[in-house]
PDB file of all heavy atoms in Angstrom:
ATOM      1  N   HIS A   1    -105.493-103.610  38.631  1.00  0.00           N
ATOM      2  CA  HIS A   1    -104.902-103.569  37.295  1.00  0.00           C
ATOM      3  C   HIS A   1    -105.202-104.844  36.520  1.00  0.00           C
ATOM      4  O   HIS A   1    -105.326-104.821  35.296  1.00  0.00           O
ATOM      5  CB  HIS A   1    -103.399-103.330  37.390  1.00  0.00           C
ATOM      6  CG  HIS A   1    -103.028-102.006  37.981  1.00  0.00           C
ATOM      7  ND1 HIS A   1    -101.726-101.564  38.051  1.00  0.00           N
ATOM      8  CD2 HIS A   1    -103.776-101.034  38.551  1.00  0.00           C
ATOM      9  CE1 HIS A   1    -101.693-100.367  38.620  1.00  0.00           C
ATOM     10  NE2 HIS A   1    -102.925-100.037  38.947  1.00  0.00           N
ATOM     11  N   LEU A   2    -105.302-105.963  37.220  1.00  0.00           N
ATOM     12  CA  LEU A   2    -105.701-107.208  36.555  1.00  0.00           C
ATOM     13  C   LEU A   2    -107.131-107.100  36.058  1.00  0.00           C
ATOM     14  O   LEU A   2    -107.449-107.548  34.939  1.00  0.00           O
ATOM     15  CB  LEU A   2    -105.560-108.384  37.521  1.00  0.00           C
ATOM     16  CG  LEU A   2    -104.136-108.706  37.985  1.00  0.00           C
ATOM     17  CD1 LEU A   2    -104.166-109.735  39.106  1.00  0.00           C
ATOM     18  CD2 LEU A   2    -103.277-109.220  36.817  1.00  0.00           C
ATOM     19  N   TYR A   3    -107.994-106.489  36.854  1.00  0.00           N
ATOM     20  CA  TYR A   3    -109.371-106.293  36.413  1.00  0.00           C
ATOM     21  C   TYR A   3    -109.447-105.294  35.257  1.00  0.00           C
ATOM     22  O   TYR A   3    -110.288-105.425  34.357  1.00  0.00           O
ATOM     23  CB  TYR A   3    -110.250-105.841  37.584  1.00  0.00           C
ATOM     24  CG  TYR A   3    -110.654-106.979  38.487  1.00  0.00           C
ATOM     25  CD1 TYR A   3    -109.889-107.314  39.602  1.00  0.00           C
ATOM     26  CD2 TYR A   3    -111.792-107.734  38.216  1.00  0.00           C
ATOM     27  CE1 TYR A   3    -110.247-108.370  40.427  1.00  0.00           C
ATOM     28  CE2 TYR A   3    -112.154-108.791  39.032  1.00  0.00           C
ATOM     29  CZ  TYR A   3    -111.383-109.100  40.139  1.00  0.00           C
ATOM     30  OH  TYR A   3    -111.747-110.156  40.942  1.00  0.00           O
ATOM     31  N   ASN A   4    -108.575-104.288  35.269  1.00  0.00           N
ATOM     32  CA  ASN A   4    -108.520-103.360  34.135  1.00  0.00           C
ATOM     33  C   ASN A   4    -108.136-104.097  32.852  1.00  0.00           C
ATOM     34  O   ASN A   4    -108.707-103.851  31.787  1.00  0.00           O
ATOM     35  CB  ASN A   4    -107.519-102.240  34.407  1.00  0.00           C
ATOM     36  CG  ASN A   4    -107.990-101.272  35.469  1.00  0.00           C
ATOM     37  OD1 ASN A   4    -109.159-101.273  35.857  1.00  0.00           O
ATOM     38  ND2 ASN A   4    -107.076-100.434  35.957  1.00  0.00           N
ATOM     39  N   LEU A   5    -107.153-104.994  32.958  1.00  0.00           N
ATOM     40  CA  LEU A   5    -106.772-105.790  31.795  1.00  0.00           C
ATOM     41  C   LEU A   5    -107.950-106.638  31.332  1.00  0.00           C
ATOM     42  O   LEU A   5    -108.229-106.716  30.121  1.00  0.00           O
ATOM     43  CB  LEU A   5    -105.569-106.669  32.124  1.00  0.00           C
ATOM     44  CG  LEU A   5    -105.122-107.653  31.043  1.00  0.00           C
ATOM     45  CD1 LEU A   5    -104.826-106.961  29.720  1.00  0.00           C
ATOM     46  CD2 LEU A   5    -103.911-108.459  31.515  1.00  0.00           C
ATOM     47  N   ALA A   6    -108.659-107.252  32.254  1.00  0.00           N
ATOM     48  CA  ALA A   6    -109.821-108.057  31.892  1.00  0.00           C
ATOM     49  C   ALA A   6    -110.865-107.215  31.147  1.00  0.00           C
ATOM     50  O   ALA A   6    -111.520-107.696  30.213  1.00  0.00           O
ATOM     51  CB  ALA A   6    -110.437-108.686  33.136  1.00  0.00           C
ATOM     52  N   HIS A   7    -111.003-105.955  31.553  1.00  0.00           N
ATOM     53  CA  HIS A   7    -111.920-105.034  30.876  1.00  0.00           C
ATOM     54  C   HIS A   7    -111.539-104.877  29.401  1.00  0.00           C
ATOM     55  O   HIS A   7    -112.407-104.950  28.505  1.00  0.00           O
ATOM     56  CB  HIS A   7    -111.889-103.684  31.587  1.00  0.00           C
ATOM     57  CG  HIS A   7    -112.475-102.555  30.815  1.00  0.00           C
ATOM     58  ND1 HIS A   7    -113.842-102.331  30.730  1.00  0.00           N
ATOM     59  CD2 HIS A   7    -111.890-101.568  30.082  1.00  0.00           C
ATOM     60  CE1 HIS A   7    -114.061-101.263  29.975  1.00  0.00           C
ATOM     61  NE2 HIS A   7    -112.898-100.780  29.579  1.00  0.00           N
ATOM     62  N   PHE A   8    -110.249-104.685  29.127  1.00  0.00           N
ATOM     63  CA  PHE A   8    -109.825-104.506  27.731  1.00  0.00           C
ATOM     64  C   PHE A   8    -109.866-105.824  26.961  1.00  0.00           C
ATOM     65  O   PHE A   8    -110.071-105.819  25.745  1.00  0.00           O
ATOM     66  CB  PHE A   8    -108.440-103.855  27.694  1.00  0.00           C
ATOM     67  CG  PHE A   8    -108.463-102.405  28.090  1.00  0.00           C
ATOM     68  CD1 PHE A   8    -108.041-101.995  29.346  1.00  0.00           C
ATOM     69  CD2 PHE A   8    -108.944-101.447  27.209  1.00  0.00           C
ATOM     70  CE1 PHE A   8    -108.089-100.666  29.720  1.00  0.00           C
ATOM     71  CE2 PHE A   8    -109.000-100.107  27.570  1.00  0.00           C
ATOM     72  CZ  PHE A   8    -108.581 -99.715  28.828  1.00  0.00           C
ATOM     73  N   VAL A   9    -109.672-106.929  27.647  1.00  0.00           N
ATOM     74  CA  VAL A   9    -109.856-108.240  27.012  1.00  0.00           C
ATOM     75  C   VAL A   9    -111.303-108.391  26.571  1.00  0.00           C
ATOM     76  O   VAL A   9    -111.597-108.797  25.434  1.00  0.00           O
ATOM     77  CB  VAL A   9    -109.449-109.375  27.976  1.00  0.00           C
ATOM     78  CG1 VAL A   9    -109.844-110.731  27.385  1.00  0.00           C
ATOM     79  CG2 VAL A   9    -107.948-109.333  28.250  1.00  0.00           C
ATOM     80  N   ASP A  10    -112.237-108.061  27.473  1.00  0.00           N
ATOM     81  CA  ASP A  10    -113.666-108.180  27.160  1.00  0.00           C
ATOM     82  C   ASP A  10    -114.064-107.302  25.980  1.00  0.00           C
ATOM     83  O   ASP A  10    -114.966-107.651  25.217  1.00  0.00           O
ATOM     84  CB  ASP A  10    -114.501-107.797  28.386  1.00  0.00           C
ATOM     85  CG  ASP A  10    -114.412-108.815  29.516  1.00  0.00           C
ATOM     86  OD1 ASP A  10    -113.954-109.946  29.241  1.00  0.00           O
ATOM     87  OD2 ASP A  10    -114.776-108.468  30.659  1.00  0.00           O
ATOM     88  N   ARG A  11    -113.372-106.179  25.821  1.00  0.00           N
ATOM     89  CA  ARG A  11    -113.678-105.267  24.710  1.00  0.00           C
ATOM     90  C   ARG A  11    -112.970-105.663  23.422  1.00  0.00           C
ATOM     91  O   ARG A  11    -113.145-105.012  22.397  1.00  0.00           O
ATOM     92  CB  ARG A  11    -113.288-103.842  25.104  1.00  0.00           C
ATOM     93  CG  ARG A  11    -114.181-103.264  26.199  1.00  0.00           C
ATOM     94  CD  ARG A  11    -113.699-101.912  26.655  1.00  0.00           C
ATOM     95  NE  ARG A  11    -113.622-100.945  25.556  1.00  0.00           N
ATOM     96  CZ  ARG A  11    -113.103 -99.725  25.673  1.00  0.00           C
ATOM     97  NH1 ARG A  11    -112.627 -99.323  26.845  1.00  0.00           N
ATOM     98  NH2 ARG A  11    -113.069 -98.913  24.642  1.00  0.00           N
ATOM     99  N   GLY A  12    -112.155-106.717  23.480  1.00  0.00           N
ATOM    100  CA  GLY A  12    -111.489-107.204  22.278  1.00  0.00           C
ATOM    101  C   GLY A  12    -110.296-106.384  21.833  1.00  0.00           C
ATOM    102  O   GLY A  12    -109.839-106.515  20.697  1.00  0.00           O
ATOM    103  N   LEU A  13    -109.743-105.557  22.743  1.00  0.00           N
ATOM    104  CA  LEU A  13    -108.617-104.699  22.365  1.00  0.00           C
ATOM    105  C   LEU A  13    -107.263-105.373  22.539  1.00  0.00           C
ATOM    106  O   LEU A  13    -106.254-104.852  22.077  1.00  0.00           O
ATOM    107  CB  LEU A  13    -108.661-103.398  23.170  1.00  0.00           C
ATOM    108  CG  LEU A  13    -109.770-102.428  22.753  1.00  0.00           C
ATOM    109  CD1 LEU A  13    -109.850-101.249  23.700  1.00  0.00           C
ATOM    110  CD2 LEU A  13    -109.557-101.941  21.330  1.00  0.00           C
ATOM    111  N   VAL A  14    -107.225-106.510  23.226  1.00  0.00           N
ATOM    112  CA  VAL A  14    -105.998-107.298  23.335  1.00  0.00           C
ATOM    113  C   VAL A  14    -106.342-108.763  23.133  1.00  0.00           C
ATOM    114  O   VAL A  14    -107.463-109.199  23.409  1.00  0.00           O
ATOM    115  CB  VAL A  14    -105.285-107.098  24.696  1.00  0.00           C
ATOM    116  CG1 VAL A  14    -104.769-105.683  24.823  1.00  0.00           C
ATOM    117  CG2 VAL A  14    -106.192-107.435  25.854  1.00  0.00           C
ATOM    118  N   GLN A  15    -105.388-109.507  22.621  1.00  0.00           N
ATOM    119  CA  GLN A  15    -105.607-110.910  22.312  1.00  0.00           C
ATOM    120  C   GLN A  15    -104.641-111.797  23.093  1.00  0.00           C
ATOM    121  O   GLN A  15    -103.508-111.416  23.355  1.00  0.00           O
ATOM    122  CB  GLN A  15    -105.418-111.161  20.802  1.00  0.00           C
ATOM    123  CG  GLN A  15    -106.554-110.627  19.934  1.00  0.00           C
ATOM    124  CD  GLN A  15    -106.518-109.103  19.810  1.00  0.00           C
ATOM    125  OE1 GLN A  15    -105.456-108.520  19.600  1.00  0.00           O
ATOM    126  NE2 GLN A  15    -107.669-108.473  19.944  1.00  0.00           N
ATOM    127  N   ALA A  16    -105.123-112.979  23.421  1.00  0.00           N
ATOM    128  CA  ALA A  16    -104.302-113.965  24.123  1.00  0.00           C
ATOM    129  C   ALA A  16    -103.181-114.457  23.210  1.00  0.00           C
ATOM    130  O   ALA A  16    -103.316-114.417  21.982  1.00  0.00           O
ATOM    131  CB  ALA A  16    -105.179-115.133  24.572  1.00  0.00           C
ATOM    132  N   PRO A  17    -102.077-114.953  23.805  1.00  0.00           N
ATOM    133  CA  PRO A  17    -101.812-115.040  25.245  1.00  0.00           C
ATOM    134  C   PRO A  17    -101.378-113.697  25.820  1.00  0.00           C
ATOM    135  O   PRO A  17    -100.646-112.947  25.183  1.00  0.00           O
ATOM    136  CB  PRO A  17    -100.681-116.069  25.317  1.00  0.00           C
ATOM    137  CG  PRO A  17     -99.941-115.906  24.022  1.00  0.00           C
ATOM    138  CD  PRO A  17    -100.992-115.571  23.000  1.00  0.00           C
ATOM    139  N   PHE A  18    -101.844-113.403  27.008  1.00  0.00           N
ATOM    140  CA  PHE A  18    -101.502-112.158  27.685  1.00  0.00           C
ATOM    141  C   PHE A  18    -100.256-112.385  28.544  1.00  0.00           C
ATOM    142  O   PHE A  18    -100.222-113.307  29.349  1.00  0.00           O
ATOM    143  CB  PHE A  18    -102.660-111.701  28.585  1.00  0.00           C
ATOM    144  CG  PHE A  18    -104.011-111.855  27.958  1.00  0.00           C
ATOM    145  CD1 PHE A  18    -104.956-112.700  28.513  1.00  0.00           C
ATOM    146  CD2 PHE A  18    -104.324-111.193  26.785  1.00  0.00           C
ATOM    147  CE1 PHE A  18    -106.194-112.870  27.929  1.00  0.00           C
ATOM    148  CE2 PHE A  18    -105.561-111.357  26.183  1.00  0.00           C
ATOM    149  CZ  PHE A  18    -106.503-112.193  26.752  1.00  0.00           C
ATOM    150  N   PHE A  19     -99.248-111.538  28.358  1.00  0.00           N
ATOM    151  CA  PHE A  19     -98.019-111.612  29.156  1.00  0.00           C
ATOM    152  C   PHE A  19     -98.201-110.654  30.324  1.00  0.00           C
ATOM    153  O   PHE A  19     -98.092-109.439  30.167  1.00  0.00           O
ATOM    154  CB  PHE A  19     -96.819-111.232  28.290  1.00  0.00           C
ATOM    155  CG  PHE A  19     -95.481-111.466  28.936  1.00  0.00           C
ATOM    156  CD1 PHE A  19     -95.244-112.561  29.745  1.00  0.00           C
ATOM    157  CD2 PHE A  19     -94.429-110.594  28.701  1.00  0.00           C
ATOM    158  CE1 PHE A  19     -94.004-112.786  30.330  1.00  0.00           C
ATOM    159  CE2 PHE A  19     -93.175-110.804  29.269  1.00  0.00           C
ATOM    160  CZ  PHE A  19     -92.968-111.904  30.086  1.00  0.00           C
ATOM    161  N   VAL A  20     -98.534-111.198  31.487  1.00  0.00           N
ATOM    162  CA  VAL A  20     -98.913-110.398  32.651  1.00  0.00           C
ATOM    163  C   VAL A  20     -97.738-110.320  33.623  1.00  0.00           C
ATOM    164  O   VAL A  20     -97.315-111.316  34.197  1.00  0.00           O
ATOM    165  CB  VAL A  20    -100.147-111.004  33.350  1.00  0.00           C
ATOM    166  CG1 VAL A  20    -100.503-110.191  34.590  1.00  0.00           C
ATOM    167  CG2 VAL A  20    -101.336-111.027  32.380  1.00  0.00           C
ATOM    168  N   GLN A  21     -97.234-109.101  33.775  1.00  0.00           N
ATOM    169  CA  GLN A  21     -96.104-108.850  34.679  1.00  0.00           C
ATOM    170  C   GLN A  21     -96.661-108.274  35.985  1.00  0.00           C
ATOM    171  O   GLN A  21     -97.067-107.111  36.040  1.00  0.00           O
ATOM    172  CB  GLN A  21     -95.142-107.847  34.033  1.00  0.00           C
ATOM    173  CG  GLN A  21     -93.844-107.613  34.771  1.00  0.00           C
ATOM    174  CD  GLN A  21     -92.896-108.774  34.608  1.00  0.00           C
ATOM    175  OE1 GLN A  21     -92.716-109.548  35.547  1.00  0.00           O
ATOM    176  NE2 GLN A  21     -92.303-108.909  33.439  1.00  0.00           N
ATOM    177  N   THR A  22     -96.741-109.102  37.025  1.00  0.00           N
ATOM    178  CA  THR A  22     -97.241-108.609  38.301  1.00  0.00           C
ATOM    179  C   THR A  22     -96.070-108.011  39.084  1.00  0.00           C
ATOM    180  O   THR A  22     -95.032-108.640  39.240  1.00  0.00           O
ATOM    181  CB  THR A  22     -97.938-109.729  39.095  1.00  0.00           C
ATOM    182  OG1 THR A  22     -97.093-110.890  39.148  1.00  0.00           O
ATOM    183  CG2 THR A  22     -99.250-110.118  38.424  1.00  0.00           C
ATOM    184  N   VAL A  23     -96.260-106.784  39.548  1.00  0.00           N
ATOM    185  CA  VAL A  23     -95.183-105.977  40.124  1.00  0.00           C
ATOM    186  C   VAL A  23     -95.391-105.853  41.626  1.00  0.00           C
ATOM    187  O   VAL A  23     -96.474-105.480  42.084  1.00  0.00           O
ATOM    188  CB  VAL A  23     -95.150-104.581  39.478  1.00  0.00           C
ATOM    189  CG1 VAL A  23     -93.972-103.769  40.012  1.00  0.00           C
ATOM    190  CG2 VAL A  23     -95.089-104.688  37.958  1.00  0.00           C
ATOM    191  N   PHE A  24     -94.334-106.128  42.382  1.00  0.00           N
ATOM    192  CA  PHE A  24     -94.434-106.162  43.834  1.00  0.00           C
ATOM    193  C   PHE A  24     -93.388-105.248  44.479  1.00  0.00           C
ATOM    194  O   PHE A  24     -92.222-105.258  44.078  1.00  0.00           O
ATOM    195  CB  PHE A  24     -94.233-107.595  44.345  1.00  0.00           C
ATOM    196  CG  PHE A  24     -95.216-108.577  43.760  1.00  0.00           C
ATOM    197  CD1 PHE A  24     -94.884-109.310  42.624  1.00  0.00           C
ATOM    198  CD2 PHE A  24     -96.476-108.748  44.321  1.00  0.00           C
ATOM    199  CE1 PHE A  24     -95.787-110.205  42.066  1.00  0.00           C
ATOM    200  CE2 PHE A  24     -97.386-109.637  43.773  1.00  0.00           C
ATOM    201  CZ  PHE A  24     -97.048-110.371  42.646  1.00  0.00           C
ATOM    202  N   GLY A  25     -93.837-104.462  45.460  1.00  0.00           N
ATOM    203  CA  GLY A  25     -92.879-103.715  46.275  1.00  0.00           C
ATOM    204  C   GLY A  25     -92.669-102.270  45.887  1.00  0.00           C
ATOM    205  O   GLY A  25     -91.792-101.618  46.451  1.00  0.00           O
ATOM    206  N   ILE A  26     -93.459-101.733  44.946  1.00  0.00           N
ATOM    207  CA  ILE A  26     -93.398-100.303  44.625  1.00  0.00           C
ATOM    208  C   ILE A  26     -94.391 -99.575  45.527  1.00  0.00           C
ATOM    209  O   ILE A  26     -95.551 -99.988  45.643  1.00  0.00           O
ATOM    210  CB  ILE A  26     -93.754-100.051  43.144  1.00  0.00           C
ATOM    211  CG1 ILE A  26     -92.687-100.634  42.216  1.00  0.00           C
ATOM    212  CG2 ILE A  26     -93.948 -98.558  42.869  1.00  0.00           C
ATOM    213  CD1 ILE A  26     -91.368 -99.901  42.215  1.00  0.00           C
ATOM    214  N   LEU A  27     -93.970 -98.485  46.167  1.00  0.00           N
ATOM    215  CA  LEU A  27     -94.876 -97.709  47.002  1.00  0.00           C
ATOM    216  C   LEU A  27     -95.960 -97.090  46.119  1.00  0.00           C
ATOM    217  O   LEU A  27     -95.667 -96.287  45.233  1.00  0.00           O
ATOM    218  CB  LEU A  27     -94.110 -96.625  47.752  1.00  0.00           C
ATOM    219  CG  LEU A  27     -94.932 -95.792  48.734  1.00  0.00           C
ATOM    220  CD1 LEU A  27     -95.557 -96.657  49.819  1.00  0.00           C
ATOM    221  CD2 LEU A  27     -94.071 -94.689  49.344  1.00  0.00           C
ATOM    222  N   GLY A  28     -97.194 -97.502  46.363  1.00  0.00           N
ATOM    223  CA  GLY A  28     -98.315 -97.114  45.510  1.00  0.00           C
ATOM    224  C   GLY A  28     -98.987 -98.336  44.912  1.00  0.00           C
ATOM    225  O   GLY A  28    -100.133 -98.268  44.458  1.00  0.00           O
TER     226      GLY A  28
END
């Protein structure tokens, strides 16, 4: 998912600063 975000950053669809919520402990 971090790489997916980087993909959209590279395409210019989102602008910094990016608020990245890393999620831990969900099955999946």
